[in-house]
N, C-alpha and C. Protein backbone atom coordinates (compact mmCIF):
# COMPACT_ATOMS: atom_id res chain seq x y z
N MET A 1 -113.69 -151.53 43.55
CA MET A 1 -114.66 -151.63 42.52
C MET A 1 -113.95 -151.61 41.18
N ALA A 2 -114.40 -152.43 40.29
CA ALA A 2 -113.88 -152.45 38.94
C ALA A 2 -115.01 -152.04 38.02
N ALA A 3 -114.68 -151.33 36.97
CA ALA A 3 -115.68 -150.90 36.01
C ALA A 3 -115.27 -151.36 34.63
N ALA A 4 -116.20 -151.86 33.91
CA ALA A 4 -116.00 -152.22 32.51
C ALA A 4 -116.87 -151.28 31.69
N LEU A 5 -116.25 -150.47 30.88
CA LEU A 5 -116.96 -149.47 30.10
C LEU A 5 -117.06 -149.96 28.67
N VAL A 6 -118.24 -149.88 28.09
CA VAL A 6 -118.47 -150.34 26.73
C VAL A 6 -118.84 -149.15 25.87
N SER A 7 -118.15 -149.00 24.75
CA SER A 7 -118.44 -147.88 23.86
C SER A 7 -119.36 -148.31 22.73
N ASP A 8 -119.83 -147.33 21.99
CA ASP A 8 -120.62 -147.57 20.80
C ASP A 8 -119.71 -148.27 19.78
N ASP A 9 -120.24 -149.23 19.03
CA ASP A 9 -119.43 -149.96 18.05
C ASP A 9 -118.81 -149.04 17.00
N ASN A 10 -119.52 -148.01 16.58
CA ASN A 10 -119.02 -147.11 15.55
C ASN A 10 -117.89 -146.22 16.05
N PHE A 11 -117.73 -146.14 17.35
CA PHE A 11 -116.73 -145.27 17.96
C PHE A 11 -115.31 -145.67 17.56
N LEU A 12 -115.09 -146.95 17.30
CA LEU A 12 -113.74 -147.44 17.05
C LEU A 12 -113.46 -147.79 15.61
N ASP A 13 -114.34 -147.48 14.69
CA ASP A 13 -114.15 -147.89 13.31
C ASP A 13 -112.82 -147.43 12.74
N GLU A 14 -112.37 -146.23 13.10
CA GLU A 14 -111.14 -145.70 12.52
C GLU A 14 -109.87 -146.12 13.27
N TYR A 15 -110.01 -146.81 14.40
CA TYR A 15 -108.86 -147.21 15.17
C TYR A 15 -108.64 -148.71 15.06
N GLU A 16 -107.41 -149.12 14.92
CA GLU A 16 -107.09 -150.54 14.90
C GLU A 16 -106.33 -150.89 16.15
N ASN A 17 -106.46 -152.12 16.55
CA ASN A 17 -105.81 -152.60 17.76
C ASN A 17 -104.37 -153.01 17.45
N LYS A 18 -103.43 -152.08 17.51
CA LYS A 18 -102.04 -152.36 17.19
C LYS A 18 -101.17 -152.50 18.42
N ALA A 19 -101.70 -152.20 19.61
CA ALA A 19 -100.89 -152.19 20.82
C ALA A 19 -100.69 -153.59 21.41
N LEU A 20 -101.57 -154.52 21.12
CA LEU A 20 -101.49 -155.85 21.71
C LEU A 20 -100.78 -156.82 20.78
N PRO A 21 -100.08 -157.80 21.34
CA PRO A 21 -99.43 -158.80 20.51
C PRO A 21 -100.47 -159.63 19.74
N ILE A 22 -100.08 -160.19 18.64
CA ILE A 22 -100.98 -161.01 17.84
C ILE A 22 -101.47 -162.18 18.67
N GLY A 23 -102.76 -162.41 18.66
CA GLY A 23 -103.35 -163.52 19.39
C GLY A 23 -103.74 -163.21 20.82
N TYR A 24 -103.36 -162.04 21.34
CA TYR A 24 -103.68 -161.68 22.72
C TYR A 24 -105.00 -160.94 22.76
N ARG A 25 -105.89 -161.40 23.64
CA ARG A 25 -107.17 -160.71 23.87
C ARG A 25 -107.48 -160.79 25.36
N PHE A 26 -107.96 -159.70 25.90
CA PHE A 26 -108.36 -159.67 27.30
C PHE A 26 -109.88 -159.75 27.34
N VAL A 27 -110.39 -160.96 27.57
CA VAL A 27 -111.83 -161.21 27.59
C VAL A 27 -112.14 -162.03 28.85
N PRO A 28 -112.01 -161.41 30.02
CA PRO A 28 -112.24 -162.17 31.26
C PRO A 28 -113.72 -162.41 31.51
N ARG A 29 -114.01 -163.54 32.14
CA ARG A 29 -115.37 -163.82 32.59
C ARG A 29 -115.61 -162.99 33.85
N ASP A 30 -116.88 -162.83 34.21
CA ASP A 30 -117.22 -162.02 35.38
C ASP A 30 -116.55 -162.54 36.65
N HIS A 31 -116.59 -163.84 36.87
CA HIS A 31 -115.99 -164.39 38.10
C HIS A 31 -114.47 -164.24 38.09
N GLU A 32 -113.85 -164.22 36.92
CA GLU A 32 -112.40 -164.02 36.83
C GLU A 32 -112.03 -162.58 37.18
N LEU A 33 -112.84 -161.61 36.74
CA LEU A 33 -112.58 -160.21 37.10
C LEU A 33 -112.58 -160.03 38.61
N ILE A 34 -113.51 -160.70 39.27
CA ILE A 34 -113.63 -160.54 40.72
C ILE A 34 -112.54 -161.31 41.46
N SER A 35 -112.38 -162.60 41.14
CA SER A 35 -111.47 -163.43 41.94
C SER A 35 -110.00 -163.24 41.59
N PHE A 36 -109.65 -162.97 40.34
CA PHE A 36 -108.24 -162.84 39.97
C PHE A 36 -107.75 -161.40 39.93
N TYR A 37 -108.63 -160.46 39.69
CA TYR A 37 -108.20 -159.07 39.56
C TYR A 37 -108.62 -158.21 40.75
N LEU A 38 -109.93 -158.08 40.98
CA LEU A 38 -110.39 -157.19 42.04
C LEU A 38 -109.95 -157.67 43.42
N PHE A 39 -110.09 -158.96 43.69
CA PHE A 39 -109.71 -159.49 44.99
C PHE A 39 -108.20 -159.33 45.23
N ASN A 40 -107.40 -159.65 44.23
CA ASN A 40 -105.94 -159.49 44.37
C ASN A 40 -105.53 -158.03 44.47
N LYS A 41 -106.26 -157.14 43.81
CA LYS A 41 -105.99 -155.70 43.92
C LYS A 41 -106.21 -155.24 45.36
N ILE A 42 -107.30 -155.68 45.96
CA ILE A 42 -107.61 -155.30 47.33
C ILE A 42 -106.58 -155.86 48.30
N LYS A 43 -106.12 -157.09 48.06
CA LYS A 43 -105.12 -157.71 48.93
C LYS A 43 -103.73 -157.13 48.72
N GLY A 44 -103.54 -156.37 47.66
CA GLY A 44 -102.24 -155.76 47.40
C GLY A 44 -101.28 -156.68 46.66
N PHE A 45 -101.79 -157.75 46.07
CA PHE A 45 -100.96 -158.68 45.32
C PHE A 45 -100.73 -158.16 43.91
N GLN A 46 -99.64 -158.62 43.31
CA GLN A 46 -99.33 -158.27 41.92
C GLN A 46 -100.38 -158.90 41.00
N LEU A 47 -100.91 -158.13 40.07
CA LEU A 47 -101.89 -158.65 39.13
C LEU A 47 -101.18 -159.35 37.98
N PRO A 48 -101.84 -160.34 37.37
CA PRO A 48 -101.20 -161.10 36.30
C PRO A 48 -100.76 -160.23 35.13
N PHE A 49 -101.56 -159.26 34.76
CA PHE A 49 -101.23 -158.35 33.67
C PHE A 49 -101.61 -156.94 34.11
N ASP A 50 -100.95 -155.97 33.53
CA ASP A 50 -101.25 -154.58 33.84
C ASP A 50 -102.25 -154.02 32.81
N VAL A 51 -103.36 -154.72 32.67
CA VAL A 51 -104.37 -154.35 31.68
C VAL A 51 -105.38 -153.38 32.25
N ILE A 52 -105.64 -153.49 33.55
CA ILE A 52 -106.67 -152.66 34.19
C ILE A 52 -106.00 -151.47 34.86
N LYS A 53 -106.34 -150.26 34.41
CA LYS A 53 -105.74 -149.05 34.94
C LYS A 53 -106.46 -148.57 36.19
N ASN A 54 -105.75 -147.82 37.04
CA ASN A 54 -106.34 -147.14 38.20
C ASN A 54 -106.67 -145.72 37.78
N ILE A 55 -107.93 -145.34 37.88
CA ILE A 55 -108.32 -143.97 37.55
C ILE A 55 -109.41 -143.51 38.52
N ASP A 56 -109.67 -142.20 38.53
CA ASP A 56 -110.81 -141.66 39.26
C ASP A 56 -111.96 -141.62 38.26
N PHE A 57 -112.61 -142.76 38.11
CA PHE A 57 -113.60 -142.98 37.06
C PHE A 57 -114.74 -141.98 37.10
N TYR A 58 -115.22 -141.64 38.28
CA TYR A 58 -116.40 -140.78 38.39
C TYR A 58 -116.07 -139.30 38.25
N TYR A 59 -114.81 -138.97 38.07
CA TYR A 59 -114.41 -137.58 37.84
C TYR A 59 -114.48 -137.26 36.34
N LEU A 60 -114.38 -138.29 35.51
CA LEU A 60 -114.30 -138.11 34.06
C LEU A 60 -115.61 -138.46 33.37
N ASP A 61 -115.92 -137.72 32.30
CA ASP A 61 -117.04 -138.06 31.44
C ASP A 61 -116.55 -139.10 30.43
N PRO A 62 -117.45 -139.90 29.86
CA PRO A 62 -117.01 -140.97 28.95
C PRO A 62 -116.20 -140.48 27.76
N PHE A 63 -116.48 -139.31 27.24
CA PHE A 63 -115.74 -138.84 26.07
C PHE A 63 -114.29 -138.48 26.39
N HIS A 64 -113.91 -138.44 27.68
CA HIS A 64 -112.52 -138.18 28.05
C HIS A 64 -111.62 -139.40 27.87
N PHE A 65 -112.21 -140.56 27.73
CA PHE A 65 -111.42 -141.77 27.58
C PHE A 65 -110.90 -141.89 26.16
N SER A 66 -109.66 -142.29 26.02
CA SER A 66 -109.04 -142.42 24.71
C SER A 66 -109.63 -143.61 23.95
N PRO A 67 -109.91 -143.44 22.66
CA PRO A 67 -110.44 -144.54 21.87
C PRO A 67 -109.52 -145.77 21.86
N CYS A 68 -108.21 -145.55 21.98
CA CYS A 68 -107.31 -146.72 21.97
C CYS A 68 -107.41 -147.57 23.24
N GLU A 69 -108.08 -147.10 24.28
CA GLU A 69 -108.24 -147.91 25.48
C GLU A 69 -109.33 -148.97 25.30
N PHE A 70 -110.19 -148.79 24.31
CA PHE A 70 -111.30 -149.71 24.08
C PHE A 70 -110.87 -150.80 23.11
N LYS A 71 -110.02 -151.69 23.60
CA LYS A 71 -109.47 -152.73 22.74
C LYS A 71 -109.68 -154.12 23.32
N HIS A 72 -110.51 -154.24 24.33
CA HIS A 72 -110.73 -155.52 24.98
C HIS A 72 -112.15 -156.01 24.74
N GLY A 73 -112.42 -157.21 25.17
CA GLY A 73 -113.74 -157.80 25.02
C GLY A 73 -113.89 -158.50 23.69
N ARG A 74 -115.02 -159.14 23.51
CA ARG A 74 -115.26 -159.92 22.30
C ARG A 74 -115.36 -159.05 21.05
N LYS A 75 -115.87 -157.83 21.19
CA LYS A 75 -116.01 -156.94 20.04
C LYS A 75 -114.93 -155.87 20.02
N ASN A 76 -113.93 -155.98 20.88
CA ASN A 76 -112.86 -154.98 20.98
C ASN A 76 -113.40 -153.58 21.23
N ASN A 77 -114.44 -153.48 22.07
CA ASN A 77 -115.01 -152.17 22.38
C ASN A 77 -115.19 -151.97 23.88
N GLU A 78 -114.37 -152.67 24.69
CA GLU A 78 -114.47 -152.58 26.14
C GLU A 78 -113.15 -152.10 26.74
N ALA A 79 -113.26 -151.39 27.86
CA ALA A 79 -112.09 -150.96 28.63
C ALA A 79 -112.38 -151.28 30.09
N TYR A 80 -111.33 -151.61 30.84
CA TYR A 80 -111.49 -151.99 32.25
C TYR A 80 -110.69 -151.05 33.13
N TYR A 81 -111.29 -150.67 34.28
CA TYR A 81 -110.65 -149.73 35.20
C TYR A 81 -110.91 -150.13 36.64
N PHE A 82 -109.95 -149.81 37.51
CA PHE A 82 -110.16 -149.84 38.95
C PHE A 82 -110.43 -148.42 39.38
N THR A 83 -111.38 -148.25 40.29
CA THR A 83 -111.63 -146.92 40.84
C THR A 83 -112.13 -147.07 42.26
N LYS A 84 -111.91 -146.04 43.04
CA LYS A 84 -112.42 -146.03 44.41
C LYS A 84 -113.78 -145.36 44.40
N THR A 85 -114.64 -145.80 45.29
CA THR A 85 -115.98 -145.23 45.35
C THR A 85 -116.01 -144.00 46.25
N LYS A 86 -117.03 -143.18 46.02
CA LYS A 86 -117.26 -141.99 46.84
C LYS A 86 -118.65 -142.11 47.42
N GLU A 87 -118.73 -142.12 48.73
CA GLU A 87 -120.04 -142.22 49.37
C GLU A 87 -120.71 -140.86 49.45
N ILE A 88 -122.03 -140.86 49.32
CA ILE A 88 -122.80 -139.63 49.50
C ILE A 88 -122.83 -139.34 51.00
N ARG A 89 -122.49 -138.13 51.39
CA ARG A 89 -122.34 -137.80 52.81
C ARG A 89 -123.61 -138.04 53.62
N SER A 90 -124.75 -137.68 53.08
CA SER A 90 -125.98 -137.83 53.86
C SER A 90 -126.45 -139.28 53.95
N LYS A 91 -126.03 -140.10 53.01
CA LYS A 91 -126.45 -141.51 52.99
C LYS A 91 -125.19 -142.36 52.82
N MET A 92 -124.63 -142.80 53.90
CA MET A 92 -123.34 -143.48 53.87
C MET A 92 -123.37 -144.83 53.13
N ASP A 93 -124.55 -145.37 52.88
CA ASP A 93 -124.61 -146.64 52.17
C ASP A 93 -124.82 -146.46 50.67
N ARG A 94 -124.88 -145.22 50.20
CA ARG A 94 -125.05 -144.94 48.77
C ARG A 94 -123.76 -144.40 48.19
N ILE A 95 -123.53 -144.73 46.93
CA ILE A 95 -122.30 -144.32 46.26
C ILE A 95 -122.62 -143.25 45.23
N GLU A 96 -121.80 -142.21 45.20
CA GLU A 96 -121.98 -141.11 44.25
C GLU A 96 -121.40 -141.52 42.90
N ARG A 97 -122.19 -141.37 41.86
CA ARG A 97 -121.75 -141.74 40.51
C ARG A 97 -121.96 -140.57 39.54
N HIS A 98 -121.59 -139.37 39.98
CA HIS A 98 -121.73 -138.17 39.16
C HIS A 98 -120.38 -137.80 38.56
N THR A 99 -120.40 -137.33 37.31
CA THR A 99 -119.21 -136.81 36.67
C THR A 99 -119.38 -135.30 36.53
N ARG A 100 -118.49 -134.66 35.81
CA ARG A 100 -118.60 -133.21 35.63
C ARG A 100 -119.86 -132.81 34.86
N ASN A 101 -120.18 -133.57 33.81
CA ASN A 101 -121.28 -133.17 32.92
C ASN A 101 -122.44 -134.14 32.88
N GLY A 102 -122.44 -135.12 33.75
CA GLY A 102 -123.53 -136.09 33.73
C GLY A 102 -123.48 -137.03 34.92
N TYR A 103 -124.17 -138.15 34.79
CA TYR A 103 -124.21 -139.13 35.88
C TYR A 103 -124.48 -140.51 35.29
N TRP A 104 -124.14 -141.52 36.06
CA TRP A 104 -124.39 -142.91 35.70
C TRP A 104 -125.65 -143.37 36.41
N LYS A 105 -126.68 -143.72 35.64
CA LYS A 105 -127.96 -144.14 36.20
C LYS A 105 -128.05 -145.66 36.19
N SER A 106 -128.43 -146.20 37.33
CA SER A 106 -128.55 -147.64 37.49
C SER A 106 -129.73 -148.17 36.67
N CYS A 107 -129.53 -149.34 36.11
CA CYS A 107 -130.58 -150.01 35.33
C CYS A 107 -130.81 -151.39 35.93
N GLY A 108 -131.87 -151.54 36.67
CA GLY A 108 -132.21 -152.84 37.23
C GLY A 108 -131.47 -153.16 38.52
N LYS A 109 -131.59 -154.42 38.92
CA LYS A 109 -130.99 -154.88 40.17
C LYS A 109 -129.59 -155.43 39.93
N ALA A 110 -128.82 -155.52 41.00
CA ALA A 110 -127.48 -156.10 40.92
C ALA A 110 -127.59 -157.60 40.65
N GLU A 111 -126.74 -158.08 39.78
CA GLU A 111 -126.69 -159.50 39.45
C GLU A 111 -125.61 -160.17 40.31
N GLU A 112 -125.94 -161.28 40.90
CA GLU A 112 -124.96 -162.01 41.71
C GLU A 112 -124.02 -162.77 40.80
N ILE A 113 -122.73 -162.68 41.08
CA ILE A 113 -121.71 -163.42 40.33
C ILE A 113 -121.33 -164.62 41.17
N LYS A 114 -121.49 -165.80 40.61
CA LYS A 114 -121.20 -167.03 41.34
C LYS A 114 -120.03 -167.76 40.70
N HIS A 115 -119.29 -168.45 41.54
CA HIS A 115 -118.24 -169.35 41.07
C HIS A 115 -118.28 -170.58 41.96
N ARG A 116 -118.49 -171.72 41.34
CA ARG A 116 -118.62 -172.98 42.06
C ARG A 116 -119.71 -172.90 43.14
N ASP A 117 -120.86 -172.43 42.77
CA ASP A 117 -122.05 -172.32 43.64
C ASP A 117 -121.85 -171.40 44.85
N ARG A 118 -120.90 -170.51 44.79
CA ARG A 118 -120.65 -169.56 45.87
C ARG A 118 -120.74 -168.14 45.31
N ILE A 119 -121.47 -167.27 45.99
CA ILE A 119 -121.56 -165.87 45.56
C ILE A 119 -120.25 -165.17 45.89
N ILE A 120 -119.59 -164.65 44.86
CA ILE A 120 -118.31 -163.98 45.10
C ILE A 120 -118.37 -162.48 44.81
N GLY A 121 -119.40 -162.03 44.09
CA GLY A 121 -119.47 -160.62 43.77
C GLY A 121 -120.80 -160.20 43.21
N LEU A 122 -120.87 -158.92 42.88
CA LEU A 122 -122.07 -158.32 42.31
C LEU A 122 -121.70 -157.56 41.05
N LYS A 123 -122.62 -157.56 40.11
CA LYS A 123 -122.43 -156.82 38.86
C LYS A 123 -123.66 -155.93 38.67
N ARG A 124 -123.40 -154.63 38.50
CA ARG A 124 -124.48 -153.66 38.29
C ARG A 124 -124.32 -153.02 36.93
N LEU A 125 -125.44 -152.69 36.31
CA LEU A 125 -125.44 -152.06 35.00
C LEU A 125 -125.83 -150.60 35.14
N PHE A 126 -125.08 -149.71 34.47
CA PHE A 126 -125.34 -148.27 34.49
C PHE A 126 -125.29 -147.72 33.06
N VAL A 127 -126.10 -146.70 32.81
CA VAL A 127 -126.10 -145.99 31.54
C VAL A 127 -125.78 -144.53 31.84
N PHE A 128 -124.96 -143.91 30.99
CA PHE A 128 -124.57 -142.52 31.21
C PHE A 128 -125.65 -141.57 30.70
N HIS A 129 -126.00 -140.57 31.52
CA HIS A 129 -126.97 -139.53 31.17
C HIS A 129 -126.29 -138.17 31.32
N TRP A 130 -126.54 -137.30 30.37
CA TRP A 130 -126.01 -135.93 30.45
C TRP A 130 -126.86 -135.11 31.41
N ARG A 131 -126.27 -134.09 32.03
CA ARG A 131 -127.00 -133.21 32.94
C ARG A 131 -128.01 -132.34 32.19
N ILE A 132 -127.68 -131.99 30.96
CA ILE A 132 -128.59 -131.19 30.14
C ILE A 132 -129.59 -132.15 29.51
N PRO A 133 -130.87 -132.04 29.87
CA PRO A 133 -131.88 -133.01 29.40
C PRO A 133 -131.97 -133.14 27.88
N GLU A 134 -131.70 -132.05 27.14
CA GLU A 134 -131.80 -132.09 25.68
C GLU A 134 -130.80 -133.07 25.06
N LEU A 135 -129.69 -133.31 25.75
CA LEU A 135 -128.68 -134.23 25.22
C LEU A 135 -129.07 -135.69 25.45
N GLY A 136 -130.05 -135.92 26.33
CA GLY A 136 -130.51 -137.28 26.59
C GLY A 136 -129.46 -138.12 27.29
N PHE A 137 -129.35 -139.36 26.87
CA PHE A 137 -128.32 -140.22 27.45
C PHE A 137 -127.35 -140.62 26.35
N GLY A 138 -126.14 -140.89 26.75
CA GLY A 138 -125.11 -141.24 25.80
C GLY A 138 -125.18 -142.71 25.42
N LYS A 139 -124.32 -143.12 24.54
CA LYS A 139 -124.25 -144.51 24.13
C LYS A 139 -123.18 -145.23 24.94
N TRP A 140 -123.15 -144.93 26.22
CA TRP A 140 -122.14 -145.50 27.10
C TRP A 140 -122.80 -146.36 28.16
N VAL A 141 -122.28 -147.55 28.33
CA VAL A 141 -122.77 -148.49 29.31
C VAL A 141 -121.61 -148.88 30.21
N MET A 142 -121.88 -148.98 31.51
CA MET A 142 -120.84 -149.39 32.46
C MET A 142 -121.36 -150.60 33.24
N HIS A 143 -120.50 -151.58 33.37
CA HIS A 143 -120.77 -152.72 34.24
C HIS A 143 -119.86 -152.55 35.45
N GLU A 144 -120.44 -152.39 36.60
CA GLU A 144 -119.68 -152.16 37.83
C GLU A 144 -119.62 -153.48 38.61
N PHE A 145 -118.41 -153.90 38.94
CA PHE A 145 -118.19 -155.14 39.68
C PHE A 145 -117.74 -154.82 41.09
N SER A 146 -118.27 -155.55 42.06
CA SER A 146 -117.82 -155.40 43.44
C SER A 146 -117.78 -156.76 44.10
N ILE A 147 -116.97 -156.87 45.12
CA ILE A 147 -116.84 -158.13 45.85
C ILE A 147 -117.98 -158.27 46.84
N HIS A 148 -118.56 -159.44 46.88
CA HIS A 148 -119.63 -159.71 47.85
C HIS A 148 -118.98 -159.92 49.22
N PRO A 149 -119.52 -159.32 50.28
CA PRO A 149 -118.91 -159.44 51.61
C PRO A 149 -118.71 -160.89 52.08
N THR A 150 -119.57 -161.80 51.67
CA THR A 150 -119.42 -163.20 52.11
C THR A 150 -118.20 -163.87 51.48
N PHE A 151 -117.72 -163.32 50.37
CA PHE A 151 -116.52 -163.87 49.72
C PHE A 151 -115.27 -163.58 50.54
N LEU A 152 -115.31 -162.55 51.36
CA LEU A 152 -114.15 -162.12 52.13
C LEU A 152 -114.05 -162.76 53.50
N VAL A 153 -115.15 -163.09 54.09
CA VAL A 153 -115.18 -163.51 55.49
C VAL A 153 -114.25 -164.67 55.82
N PRO A 154 -114.28 -165.79 55.09
CA PRO A 154 -113.46 -166.91 55.50
C PRO A 154 -111.99 -166.83 55.09
N HIS A 155 -111.60 -165.78 54.40
CA HIS A 155 -110.23 -165.74 53.89
C HIS A 155 -109.23 -165.42 55.01
N PRO A 156 -108.19 -166.25 55.20
CA PRO A 156 -107.26 -166.08 56.31
C PRO A 156 -106.30 -164.89 56.18
N LEU A 157 -106.11 -164.38 54.96
CA LEU A 157 -105.14 -163.29 54.76
C LEU A 157 -105.71 -161.91 55.05
N LEU A 158 -106.98 -161.82 55.42
CA LEU A 158 -107.59 -160.52 55.62
C LEU A 158 -107.34 -159.99 57.02
N ASP A 159 -106.86 -158.77 57.09
CA ASP A 159 -106.73 -158.09 58.37
C ASP A 159 -107.56 -156.80 58.30
N GLY A 160 -107.53 -156.01 59.33
CA GLY A 160 -108.33 -154.79 59.38
C GLY A 160 -108.04 -153.81 58.27
N LYS A 161 -106.76 -153.68 57.91
CA LYS A 161 -106.36 -152.74 56.87
C LYS A 161 -106.95 -153.16 55.51
N ILE A 162 -106.91 -154.45 55.20
CA ILE A 162 -107.44 -154.93 53.94
C ILE A 162 -108.95 -154.82 53.93
N LYS A 163 -109.60 -155.11 55.03
CA LYS A 163 -111.06 -155.00 55.09
C LYS A 163 -111.50 -153.56 54.85
N ALA A 164 -110.72 -152.60 55.33
CA ALA A 164 -111.04 -151.20 55.09
C ALA A 164 -110.89 -150.85 53.61
N LYS A 165 -109.90 -151.43 52.93
CA LYS A 165 -109.71 -151.21 51.50
C LYS A 165 -110.88 -151.76 50.69
N VAL A 166 -111.45 -152.85 51.15
CA VAL A 166 -112.56 -153.48 50.44
C VAL A 166 -113.70 -152.49 50.32
N TYR A 167 -114.00 -151.78 51.36
CA TYR A 167 -115.14 -150.87 51.32
C TYR A 167 -114.87 -149.67 50.43
N LEU A 168 -113.61 -149.36 50.12
CA LEU A 168 -113.32 -148.32 49.16
C LEU A 168 -113.60 -148.79 47.73
N TYR A 169 -113.44 -150.08 47.49
CA TYR A 169 -113.60 -150.61 46.14
C TYR A 169 -114.96 -151.26 45.92
N ILE A 170 -115.82 -151.33 46.93
CA ILE A 170 -117.15 -151.92 46.75
C ILE A 170 -118.10 -150.86 46.26
């Protein structure tokens, strides 16, 4: 699973993007995130750039992320991460999205990501909510990307070990 976290625009006003070379921007399309990054990550191939970090995303609250990580996207307010999912024990088909001080609440249905008229993945939208009701919800939005199972079936390089990895990242 890949997550794209979007911060509030005002969050980065005091930070400038000095870490990237002039002219470089990481603004991948949805189908590129799935086919070039997530799929290759699952297969164990080298990724084109080391832009997407591996973290335990659901262990951290949004305010734990460094402001300098939000330097991607069209508005330079996005960060991208790979994380493994945690299934809820009583419901093996549900994924736990709780952090220490809050949770990610789903908003709407999953959107199908297509490339050349073929469904290759799913994109889900989540909003962060604090556990303490008085705090309401934060100004944090997450887009969660996962590979659609039909995208994997015809691929000749998949073996049992890789198929097991897929379910960790879906």
